[in-house]
Amino acid sequence: MLNISDIMQTVNMIDHQHLDIRTITLGISLNDCAHPDIKKCAAKIYDKICSKAARLVSTGERIEREYGIPIVNKRISVTPIAQIAASCESNDYAVIGRALNDAAENCGVNFIGGYSALVHKGFTESDRKLIASIPQTLAETSLVCSSVNVATTKAGINMDAVALMGKVIKETAKLTADKGGLGCAKLVVFANAVEDNPFMAGAFHGVGEPECVINVGVSGPGVVWRALQDVKGQSFDVVAETVKRTAFRITRMGQVVAHAASKMLGVPFGIVDLSLAPTPAKGDSVARILEEMGLETCGTHGTTAALALLNDAVKKGGVMASGHVGGLSGAFIPVSEDEGMIEAVKCGALGIEKLEAMTCVCSVGLDMIAVPGDTSAETISAIIADEAAIGVINNKTTAVRVIPAPDKNVGDSVEFGGLLGSAPVMRVNGAKSDEFIARGGRIPAPIHSLRN
């Protein structure tokens, strides 16, 4: 039972500590939309999304009014388009991309995810067509998000896909140069992608998911930061317990919203993703949580240990609160979306190498990182390969969302606005990886993948 104290604490979290529901995401299966004629396939996709998601935004707004809980984003994820478009006798997959964007605009959502391909063990012809169309699609649309899974612990790393994605990212930056390479902010390269992720840009509706499902992403870095201010100087046992209890409360709120949305929309409730996803607003930063544990600045020695504690305690608190915690649940470290991370980069305390170490213990990977515009496709591919290796060896999800900012150099900044924030351009190692990437083939799965 909730008492007056619990209610007042939640109100305070919402009013003063940036607590919100970051997203309610409706997953929609498009398996019945396949058709040889790509225009008819696109029309079927548009009609189904508009039908299934017609009440998503109004439902979110109703929950906000009735429960007093802000819901920042309403989003849609769909079956990976490379799977659906395989039926089409066409190479112009951008037709479907535009249909997705039109449907998202019609439904009034913030983003739609699923312009995706899963190529961790190899390519189908449809996968190749979709990947080739990503730069054009992201340049021509504003709401479509794309993801490509290039590695899994069971399959290893598809280095041909890794090499290809470096080129795709470069081309996407070129085609959206007038917006600072914004298209790359809507493109994620994964290892061990999950099927029920409600967060963009990596959301897609997995093959094991139902016809429709509602997944909720909750975020509360500001709440955790404020809770740790009450335990200054106390042991890490107290810190971990404080984070765990706070995560429990946040997840409970997410579950309430998830069940309400499920009932109102008449679709199953999938998961609550308790990911501490920061924003550029002051007081809503994962970096500031780590600094509250005693670090002078995020990026100094001890940062990885602090992040490991945070990520683990968040997961433990979430699992206590709900039997359906999923997605990526943990702590995100997107540089441009976290004011503390931005400051750490600007003062020289945080670089890509340290961020890579941090991804070993956080929930995603190298996220929203701007690099000089003249960074080669091979170097970007090598960054992806390193991150995929961390995911494969550690049996966890990792990802890369990197923006080679056109005409920008180290020390410059790229402004994206909104939740995407401002990305300081970071230094990359100047030594070449070209011959390494040119080898191609597949890096084999690790020995611990043999678990059957």
Protein backbone atom coordinates (compact mmCIF):
# COMPACT_ATOMS: atom_id res chain seq x y z
CA MET A 1 0.00 0.00 0.00
CA LEU A 2 1.16 3.52 -0.77
CA ASN A 3 1.13 5.97 2.12
CA ILE A 4 1.17 9.77 2.13
CA SER A 5 4.98 9.81 2.48
CA ASP A 6 5.42 7.62 -0.62
CA ILE A 7 3.09 9.84 -2.63
CA MET A 8 4.83 13.06 -1.54
CA GLN A 9 8.25 11.60 -2.34
CA THR A 10 7.09 10.71 -5.84
CA VAL A 11 5.61 14.18 -6.36
CA ASN A 12 8.91 15.73 -5.25
CA MET A 13 10.83 13.48 -7.66
CA ILE A 14 8.65 14.65 -10.55
CA ASP A 15 8.64 18.33 -9.62
CA HIS A 16 12.26 18.81 -8.63
CA GLN A 17 14.39 15.82 -9.63
CA HIS A 18 13.55 15.31 -13.35
CA LEU A 19 11.70 12.03 -12.83
CA ASP A 20 9.67 11.09 -15.87
CA ILE A 21 8.57 8.26 -18.10
CA ARG A 22 11.08 8.71 -20.89
CA THR A 23 8.98 6.76 -23.41
CA ILE A 24 6.02 4.52 -23.97
CA THR A 25 6.81 2.54 -27.08
CA LEU A 26 4.26 0.52 -29.01
CA GLY A 27 5.80 -2.47 -30.76
CA ILE A 28 3.97 -3.57 -33.93
CA SER A 29 4.52 -6.70 -35.99
CA LEU A 30 4.58 -6.06 -39.74
CA ASN A 31 4.85 -9.71 -40.78
CA ASP A 32 1.49 -9.60 -42.57
CA CYS A 33 2.51 -6.55 -44.63
CA ALA A 34 4.85 -8.36 -47.01
CA HIS A 35 4.06 -7.92 -50.73
CA PRO A 36 6.09 -8.25 -53.97
CA ASP A 37 5.13 -4.73 -55.04
CA ILE A 38 7.13 -2.40 -52.78
CA LYS A 39 4.58 0.41 -53.06
CA LYS A 40 1.80 -1.92 -51.95
CA CYS A 41 4.01 -3.23 -49.16
CA ALA A 42 4.67 0.34 -48.03
CA ALA A 43 0.96 1.14 -48.16
CA LYS A 44 0.13 -1.91 -46.03
CA ILE A 45 2.81 -0.88 -43.52
CA TYR A 46 1.44 2.67 -43.36
CA ASP A 47 -2.14 1.48 -42.88
CA LYS A 48 -1.26 -1.02 -40.17
CA ILE A 49 0.84 1.41 -38.15
CA CYS A 50 -1.81 4.12 -38.37
CA SER A 51 -4.46 1.65 -37.28
CA LYS A 52 -2.58 0.11 -34.36
CA ALA A 53 -1.00 3.32 -33.07
CA ALA A 54 -3.90 5.71 -33.66
CA ARG A 55 -4.55 6.16 -29.92
CA LEU A 56 -0.97 5.92 -28.63
CA VAL A 57 -0.33 9.64 -28.18
CA SER A 58 -3.76 10.39 -26.75
CA THR A 59 -3.36 7.48 -24.34
CA GLY A 60 -0.04 8.83 -23.15
CA GLU A 61 -1.55 12.26 -22.65
CA ARG A 62 -4.48 10.77 -20.74
CA ILE A 63 -2.10 8.92 -18.40
CA GLU A 64 -0.18 12.14 -17.83
CA ARG A 65 -3.39 13.89 -16.79
CA GLU A 66 -4.75 11.09 -14.63
CA TYR A 67 -1.52 10.10 -12.86
CA GLY A 68 0.40 13.39 -12.96
CA ILE A 69 3.45 11.63 -14.39
CA PRO A 70 5.24 13.26 -17.36
CA ILE A 71 5.64 11.02 -20.41
CA VAL A 72 8.31 12.68 -22.53
CA ASN A 73 8.08 10.56 -25.68
CA LYS A 74 5.54 8.37 -27.44
CA ARG A 75 7.24 6.07 -29.93
CA ILE A 76 6.70 3.11 -32.24
CA SER A 77 8.93 0.16 -33.02
CA VAL A 78 8.33 -2.27 -35.87
CA THR A 79 9.59 -5.58 -37.20
CA PRO A 80 13.04 -5.18 -38.81
CA ILE A 81 12.27 -3.85 -42.26
CA ALA A 82 14.91 -6.02 -43.96
CA GLN A 83 12.76 -9.00 -42.96
CA ILE A 84 9.53 -7.57 -44.36
CA ALA A 85 11.00 -6.04 -47.53
CA ALA A 86 12.56 -9.36 -48.53
CA SER A 87 9.27 -10.08 -50.31
CA CYS A 88 9.61 -6.97 -52.50
CA GLU A 89 10.85 -7.05 -56.08
CA SER A 90 12.64 -3.72 -55.77
CA ASN A 91 15.94 -2.21 -54.69
CA ASP A 92 14.41 1.09 -53.55
CA TYR A 93 13.79 0.36 -49.87
CA ALA A 94 13.66 4.10 -49.13
CA VAL A 95 10.02 3.88 -50.28
CA ILE A 96 9.28 1.97 -47.08
CA GLY A 97 11.35 4.41 -45.05
CA ARG A 98 9.19 7.28 -46.25
CA ALA A 99 6.04 5.30 -45.44
CA LEU A 100 7.30 4.74 -41.90
CA ASN A 101 7.94 8.46 -41.53
CA ASP A 102 4.51 9.36 -42.88
CA ALA A 103 2.86 6.92 -40.49
CA ALA A 104 4.81 8.31 -37.54
CA GLU A 105 3.79 11.85 -38.46
CA ASN A 106 0.17 10.78 -38.83
CA CYS A 107 0.20 9.16 -35.38
CA GLY A 108 1.97 12.14 -33.81
CA VAL A 109 4.82 10.14 -32.27
CA ASN A 110 8.35 11.38 -31.67
CA PHE A 111 10.24 8.57 -33.43
CA ILE A 112 9.70 5.24 -35.14
CA GLY A 113 12.36 2.52 -34.93
CA GLY A 114 12.89 -0.63 -36.93
CA TYR A 115 14.52 0.40 -40.19
CA SER A 116 16.82 -2.41 -39.23
CA ALA A 117 18.77 -5.48 -40.29
CA LEU A 118 20.18 -8.35 -38.23
CA VAL A 119 23.39 -9.49 -39.92
CA HIS A 120 25.50 -10.91 -37.11
CA LYS A 121 26.15 -14.14 -39.02
CA GLY A 122 25.76 -12.97 -42.59
CA PHE A 123 23.68 -11.03 -45.10
CA THR A 124 20.54 -11.84 -47.00
CA GLU A 125 20.01 -9.94 -50.22
CA SER A 126 17.35 -7.92 -48.44
CA ASP A 127 19.78 -7.02 -45.65
CA ARG A 128 22.22 -5.63 -48.22
CA LYS A 129 19.51 -3.57 -49.90
CA LEU A 130 18.29 -2.12 -46.62
CA ILE A 131 21.76 -1.22 -45.38
CA ALA A 132 22.57 0.44 -48.71
CA SER A 133 19.42 2.56 -48.35
CA ILE A 134 20.07 3.75 -44.78
CA PRO A 135 21.87 7.02 -45.65
CA GLN A 136 19.18 8.11 -48.11
CA THR A 137 16.35 7.13 -45.79
CA LEU A 138 17.78 8.94 -42.76
CA ALA A 139 18.47 12.01 -44.89
CA GLU A 140 14.94 12.10 -46.32
CA THR A 141 13.06 11.44 -43.08
CA SER A 142 12.95 13.12 -39.69
CA LEU A 143 11.37 10.47 -37.46
CA VAL A 144 12.79 7.16 -38.74
CA CYS A 145 15.50 5.45 -36.69
CA SER A 146 17.75 2.68 -37.95
CA SER A 147 19.82 -0.07 -36.35
CA VAL A 148 22.01 -2.91 -37.55
CA ASN A 149 23.11 -5.84 -35.39
CA VAL A 150 26.59 -6.97 -36.48
CA ALA A 151 27.57 -9.37 -33.71
CA THR A 152 26.31 -11.78 -31.05
CA THR A 153 28.02 -13.91 -28.45
CA LYS A 154 26.67 -17.03 -30.19
CA ALA A 155 27.73 -16.03 -33.72
CA GLY A 156 30.81 -13.85 -33.27
CA ILE A 157 31.43 -10.61 -35.18
CA ASN A 158 30.52 -10.18 -38.84
CA MET A 159 33.51 -8.08 -39.88
CA ASP A 160 32.14 -7.60 -43.41
CA ALA A 161 29.13 -5.89 -41.80
CA VAL A 162 31.40 -3.88 -39.51
CA ALA A 163 33.38 -2.63 -42.51
CA LEU A 164 30.19 -1.77 -44.38
CA MET A 165 28.70 0.17 -41.47
CA GLY A 166 31.71 2.48 -41.29
CA LYS A 167 30.98 3.51 -44.88
CA VAL A 168 27.25 3.83 -44.20
CA ILE A 169 27.88 6.13 -41.24
CA LYS A 170 30.20 8.32 -43.32
CA GLU A 171 27.66 8.56 -46.14
CA THR A 172 24.85 9.34 -43.70
CA ALA A 173 26.91 12.19 -42.22
CA LYS A 174 27.60 13.52 -45.72
CA LEU A 175 23.93 13.50 -46.74
CA THR A 176 22.91 15.29 -43.52
CA ALA A 177 25.89 17.66 -43.38
CA ASP A 178 23.61 20.70 -43.35
CA LYS A 179 22.29 19.44 -39.98
CA GLY A 180 25.65 18.58 -38.45
CA GLY A 181 25.44 14.92 -39.50
CA LEU A 182 22.15 14.50 -37.64
CA GLY A 183 21.27 11.35 -39.58
CA CYS A 184 24.00 9.50 -37.66
CA ALA A 185 22.23 10.31 -34.39
CA LYS A 186 19.38 8.11 -35.63
CA LEU A 187 21.62 5.14 -36.48
CA VAL A 188 22.93 2.52 -34.03
CA VAL A 189 25.27 -0.41 -34.68
CA PHE A 190 24.69 -3.20 -32.15
CA ALA A 191 26.23 -6.31 -30.73
CA ASN A 192 23.71 -8.57 -28.95
CA ALA A 193 20.73 -6.32 -29.75
CA VAL A 194 17.63 -7.02 -27.65
CA GLU A 195 14.13 -7.50 -29.06
CA ASP A 196 12.19 -5.39 -26.54
CA ASN A 197 14.19 -2.16 -26.31
CA PRO A 198 11.84 0.87 -26.06
CA PHE A 199 14.62 3.46 -26.47
CA MET A 200 15.66 5.09 -29.71
CA ALA A 201 17.51 4.94 -31.92
CA GLY A 202 17.91 1.20 -31.44
CA ALA A 203 14.34 0.02 -30.92
CA PHE A 204 12.82 -2.67 -33.15
CA HIS A 205 10.03 -5.19 -32.65
CA GLY A 206 11.75 -8.55 -32.33
CA VAL A 207 10.72 -11.78 -34.04
CA GLY A 208 9.80 -13.33 -30.69
CA GLU A 209 7.42 -10.52 -29.76
CA PRO A 210 3.59 -10.61 -29.96
CA GLU A 211 1.44 -8.89 -32.59
CA CYS A 212 1.50 -5.67 -30.55
CA VAL A 213 3.07 -4.86 -27.20
CA ILE A 214 3.59 -1.83 -25.00
CA ASN A 215 7.05 -1.32 -23.52
CA VAL A 216 7.90 1.50 -21.14
CA GLY A 217 11.24 3.22 -20.59
CA VAL A 218 11.70 4.97 -17.26
CA SER A 219 14.49 7.39 -16.45
CA GLY A 220 15.57 9.09 -13.26
CA PRO A 221 19.24 10.13 -13.06
CA GLY A 222 18.23 13.25 -11.13
CA VAL A 223 16.41 11.18 -8.51
CA VAL A 224 19.41 8.91 -7.95
CA TRP A 225 21.77 11.90 -7.80
CA ARG A 226 19.60 13.58 -5.16
CA ALA A 227 19.32 10.37 -3.11
CA LEU A 228 23.11 10.02 -3.00
CA GLN A 229 23.45 13.56 -1.64
CA ASP A 230 21.81 12.26 1.54
CA VAL A 231 24.53 9.62 2.09
CA LYS A 232 27.68 11.71 1.55
CA GLY A 233 30.82 10.07 2.92
CA GLN A 234 29.13 6.78 3.75
CA SER A 235 30.38 3.40 2.56
CA PHE A 236 29.75 1.88 -0.85
CA ASP A 237 27.42 -0.64 0.82
CA VAL A 238 25.17 2.28 1.72
CA VAL A 239 25.57 3.83 -1.73
CA ALA A 240 24.54 0.58 -3.45
CA GLU A 241 21.56 0.11 -1.17
CA THR A 242 20.45 3.72 -1.72
CA VAL A 243 20.60 3.34 -5.51
CA LYS A 244 18.76 0.02 -5.32
CA ARG A 245 15.92 1.44 -3.22
CA THR A 246 15.60 4.46 -5.51
CA ALA A 247 15.53 2.26 -8.61
CA PHE A 248 12.81 0.19 -6.98
CA ARG A 249 10.58 3.25 -6.58
CA ILE A 250 11.22 4.45 -10.12
CA THR A 251 10.45 1.04 -11.60
CA ARG A 252 7.22 0.76 -9.63
CA MET A 253 6.07 4.02 -11.19
CA GLY A 254 6.97 2.69 -14.63
CA GLN A 255 5.00 -0.48 -14.04
CA VAL A 256 1.92 1.52 -13.07
CA VAL A 257 2.15 3.47 -16.32
CA ALA A 258 2.82 0.34 -18.35
CA HIS A 259 -0.25 -1.45 -17.01
CA ALA A 260 -2.42 1.63 -17.53
CA ALA A 261 -1.26 2.02 -21.14
CA SER A 262 -1.72 -1.69 -21.77
CA LYS A 263 -5.30 -1.60 -20.50
CA MET A 264 -6.25 1.58 -22.37
CA LEU A 265 -4.75 0.40 -25.67
CA GLY A 266 -5.91 -3.19 -25.33
CA VAL A 267 -2.45 -4.62 -26.03
CA PRO A 268 -0.18 -6.76 -23.82
CA PHE A 269 2.29 -5.18 -21.42
CA GLY A 270 5.81 -6.20 -22.37
CA ILE A 271 8.57 -4.80 -20.17
CA VAL A 272 9.73 -1.87 -18.10
CA ASP A 273 13.18 -0.71 -19.12
CA LEU A 274 14.78 1.05 -16.17
CA SER A 275 17.61 2.83 -17.92
CA LEU A 276 19.08 5.94 -16.38
CA ALA A 277 18.91 7.94 -19.60
CA PRO A 278 20.23 11.47 -19.05
CA THR A 279 19.21 14.71 -20.72
CA PRO A 280 21.14 17.95 -21.32
CA ALA A 281 19.26 19.53 -18.39
CA LYS A 282 21.28 20.27 -15.24
CA GLY A 283 20.52 17.78 -12.49
CA ASP A 284 19.60 14.99 -14.91
CA SER A 285 23.07 13.55 -15.51
CA VAL A 286 24.62 10.12 -15.03
CA ALA A 287 28.06 11.76 -14.87
CA ARG A 288 26.95 13.81 -11.86
CA ILE A 289 25.85 10.61 -10.09
CA LEU A 290 29.35 9.18 -10.51
CA GLU A 291 30.88 12.43 -9.26
CA GLU A 292 28.56 12.37 -6.24
CA MET A 293 30.27 9.11 -5.25
CA GLY A 294 33.50 11.06 -4.77
CA LEU A 295 35.08 11.61 -8.18
CA GLU A 296 36.35 15.10 -8.96
CA THR A 297 35.10 14.70 -12.51
CA CYS A 298 33.67 11.92 -14.62
CA GLY A 299 36.47 10.21 -16.52
CA THR A 300 39.07 10.22 -13.78
CA HIS A 301 40.37 7.00 -12.23
CA GLY A 302 37.56 5.24 -10.38
CA THR A 303 34.90 6.18 -12.93
CA THR A 304 34.51 2.64 -14.28
CA ALA A 305 34.16 1.20 -10.76
CA ALA A 306 31.55 3.81 -9.85
CA LEU A 307 29.59 3.09 -13.02
CA ALA A 308 29.74 -0.66 -12.36
CA LEU A 309 28.20 -0.14 -8.92
CA LEU A 310 25.51 2.13 -10.33
CA ASN A 311 24.56 -0.19 -13.18
CA ASP A 312 24.34 -3.25 -10.96
CA ALA A 313 22.33 -1.54 -8.22
CA VAL A 314 19.87 -0.13 -10.76
CA LYS A 315 19.24 -3.61 -12.18
CA LYS A 316 18.80 -5.15 -8.73
CA GLY A 317 16.29 -2.50 -7.69
CA GLY A 318 14.36 -2.87 -10.91
CA VAL A 319 14.14 -6.64 -10.69
CA MET A 320 12.80 -6.34 -7.14
CA ALA A 321 10.07 -3.98 -8.34
CA SER A 322 8.79 -5.81 -11.41
CA GLY A 323 8.72 -9.30 -12.83
CA HIS A 324 8.97 -7.85 -16.33
CA VAL A 325 12.13 -5.75 -16.37
CA GLY A 326 13.75 -5.93 -19.79
CA GLY A 327 15.18 -3.88 -22.62
CA LEU A 328 18.60 -2.54 -21.71
CA SER A 329 17.93 -1.58 -18.06
CA GLY A 330 20.91 0.04 -16.37
CA ALA A 331 22.82 3.28 -17.01
CA PHE A 332 23.30 5.03 -20.35
CA ILE A 333 26.32 7.22 -21.09
CA PRO A 334 25.42 9.24 -24.22
CA VAL A 335 27.91 12.09 -24.32
CA SER A 336 25.84 14.76 -26.07
CA GLU A 337 22.76 14.02 -23.95
CA ASP A 338 24.47 14.37 -20.55
CA GLU A 339 25.60 17.81 -19.38
CA GLY A 340 28.11 16.28 -16.97
CA MET A 341 29.67 14.15 -19.71
CA ILE A 342 29.91 17.21 -21.97
CA GLU A 343 31.76 19.15 -19.28
CA ALA A 344 34.08 16.19 -18.63
CA VAL A 345 34.99 16.04 -22.32
CA LYS A 346 35.54 19.78 -22.52
CA CYS A 347 37.94 19.81 -19.55
CA GLY A 348 39.91 16.88 -20.99
CA ALA A 349 39.03 14.34 -18.30
CA LEU A 350 36.98 12.07 -20.56
CA GLY A 351 38.04 10.58 -23.88
CA ILE A 352 36.91 7.79 -26.16
CA GLU A 353 39.35 5.32 -24.60
CA LYS A 354 37.89 5.85 -21.13
CA LEU A 355 34.36 5.72 -22.50
CA GLU A 356 35.19 2.38 -24.10
CA ALA A 357 36.32 1.05 -20.71
CA MET A 358 33.10 2.31 -19.15
CA THR A 359 31.02 0.44 -21.72
CA CYS A 360 32.29 -2.83 -20.25
CA VAL A 361 30.07 -2.21 -17.22
CA CYS A 362 27.19 0.00 -18.46
CA SER A 363 24.05 -0.84 -20.40
CA VAL A 364 24.91 0.19 -23.93
CA GLY A 365 28.10 1.53 -25.46
CA LEU A 366 29.77 4.46 -27.22
CA ASP A 367 26.72 6.65 -27.55
CA MET A 368 26.19 10.04 -29.20
CA ILE A 369 29.88 10.70 -29.71
CA ALA A 370 30.96 13.30 -32.26
CA VAL A 371 34.32 12.78 -33.95
CA PRO A 372 36.14 14.91 -36.53
CA GLY A 373 34.45 14.97 -39.91
CA ASP A 374 37.55 13.67 -41.67
CA THR A 375 37.63 10.47 -39.58
CA SER A 376 37.90 7.61 -42.05
CA ALA A 377 35.27 4.94 -42.56
CA GLU A 378 37.89 2.33 -41.57
CA THR A 379 38.55 4.04 -38.25
CA ILE A 380 34.82 4.18 -37.53
CA SER A 381 34.56 0.48 -38.41
CA ALA A 382 37.43 -0.28 -36.03
CA ILE A 383 35.64 1.60 -33.24
CA ILE A 384 32.56 -0.52 -33.94
CA ALA A 385 34.68 -3.70 -33.92
CA ASP A 386 36.19 -2.88 -30.52
CA GLU A 387 32.79 -2.21 -29.03
CA ALA A 388 31.30 -5.36 -30.57
CA ALA A 389 34.15 -7.37 -29.08
CA ILE A 390 33.30 -6.07 -25.62
CA GLY A 391 29.69 -7.13 -26.11
CA VAL A 392 30.51 -10.55 -27.54
CA ILE A 393 33.13 -11.51 -24.96
CA ASN A 394 31.11 -10.21 -22.01
CA ASN A 395 27.77 -11.55 -23.30
CA LYS A 396 26.10 -8.14 -23.07
CA THR A 397 24.54 -5.59 -25.37
CA THR A 398 26.90 -2.95 -26.69
CA ALA A 399 26.38 -0.34 -29.37
CA VAL A 400 27.99 2.50 -31.26
CA ARG A 401 26.24 5.73 -32.21
CA VAL A 402 28.98 7.94 -33.56
CA ILE A 403 28.71 11.14 -35.61
CA PRO A 404 31.61 12.11 -37.91
CA ALA A 405 30.65 15.79 -37.80
CA PRO A 406 31.13 17.34 -41.26
CA ASP A 407 33.71 20.14 -41.36
CA LYS A 408 34.27 19.92 -37.59
CA ASN A 409 37.50 19.33 -35.69
CA VAL A 410 38.49 18.44 -32.13
CA GLY A 411 37.32 21.19 -29.80
CA ASP A 412 34.38 22.19 -31.98
CA SER A 413 30.80 21.41 -30.99
CA VAL A 414 27.76 20.14 -32.86
CA GLU A 415 24.33 21.36 -31.80
CA PHE A 416 21.44 18.93 -32.24
CA GLY A 417 18.93 20.44 -29.81
CA GLY A 418 16.25 18.82 -27.67
CA LEU A 419 17.12 15.53 -25.98
CA LEU A 420 20.01 15.01 -28.43
CA GLY A 421 21.85 17.95 -26.91
CA SER A 422 25.25 19.26 -27.91
CA ALA A 423 28.18 17.04 -28.85
CA PRO A 424 31.77 18.21 -28.32
CA VAL A 425 33.97 16.78 -31.08
CA MET A 426 36.32 14.22 -29.52
CA ARG A 427 39.82 13.13 -30.52
CA VAL A 428 40.28 9.74 -32.17
CA ASN A 429 43.52 7.79 -32.41
CA GLY A 430 45.27 8.83 -35.61
CA ALA A 431 46.93 5.47 -36.28
CA LYS A 432 45.28 3.57 -39.12
CA SER A 433 43.26 0.33 -38.87
CA ASP A 434 42.65 -0.01 -42.60
CA GLU A 435 44.39 -3.36 -43.13
CA PHE A 436 42.67 -4.83 -40.09
CA ILE A 437 39.22 -3.87 -41.41
CA ALA A 438 40.06 -5.00 -44.97
CA ARG A 439 40.51 -8.62 -43.86
CA GLY A 440 36.76 -9.18 -43.69
CA GLY A 441 35.21 -12.51 -42.69
CA ARG A 442 33.98 -13.32 -39.23
CA ILE A 443 35.67 -13.12 -35.84
CA PRO A 444 34.59 -16.44 -34.29
CA ALA A 445 32.31 -16.70 -31.28
CA PRO A 446 34.12 -17.07 -27.93
CA ILE A 447 34.42 -20.48 -26.32
CA HIS A 448 31.89 -19.63 -23.62
CA SER A 449 29.22 -19.31 -26.32
CA LEU A 450 29.04 -23.14 -26.36
CA ARG A 451 26.48 -23.48 -23.58
CA ASN A 452 24.05 -26.06 -24.97
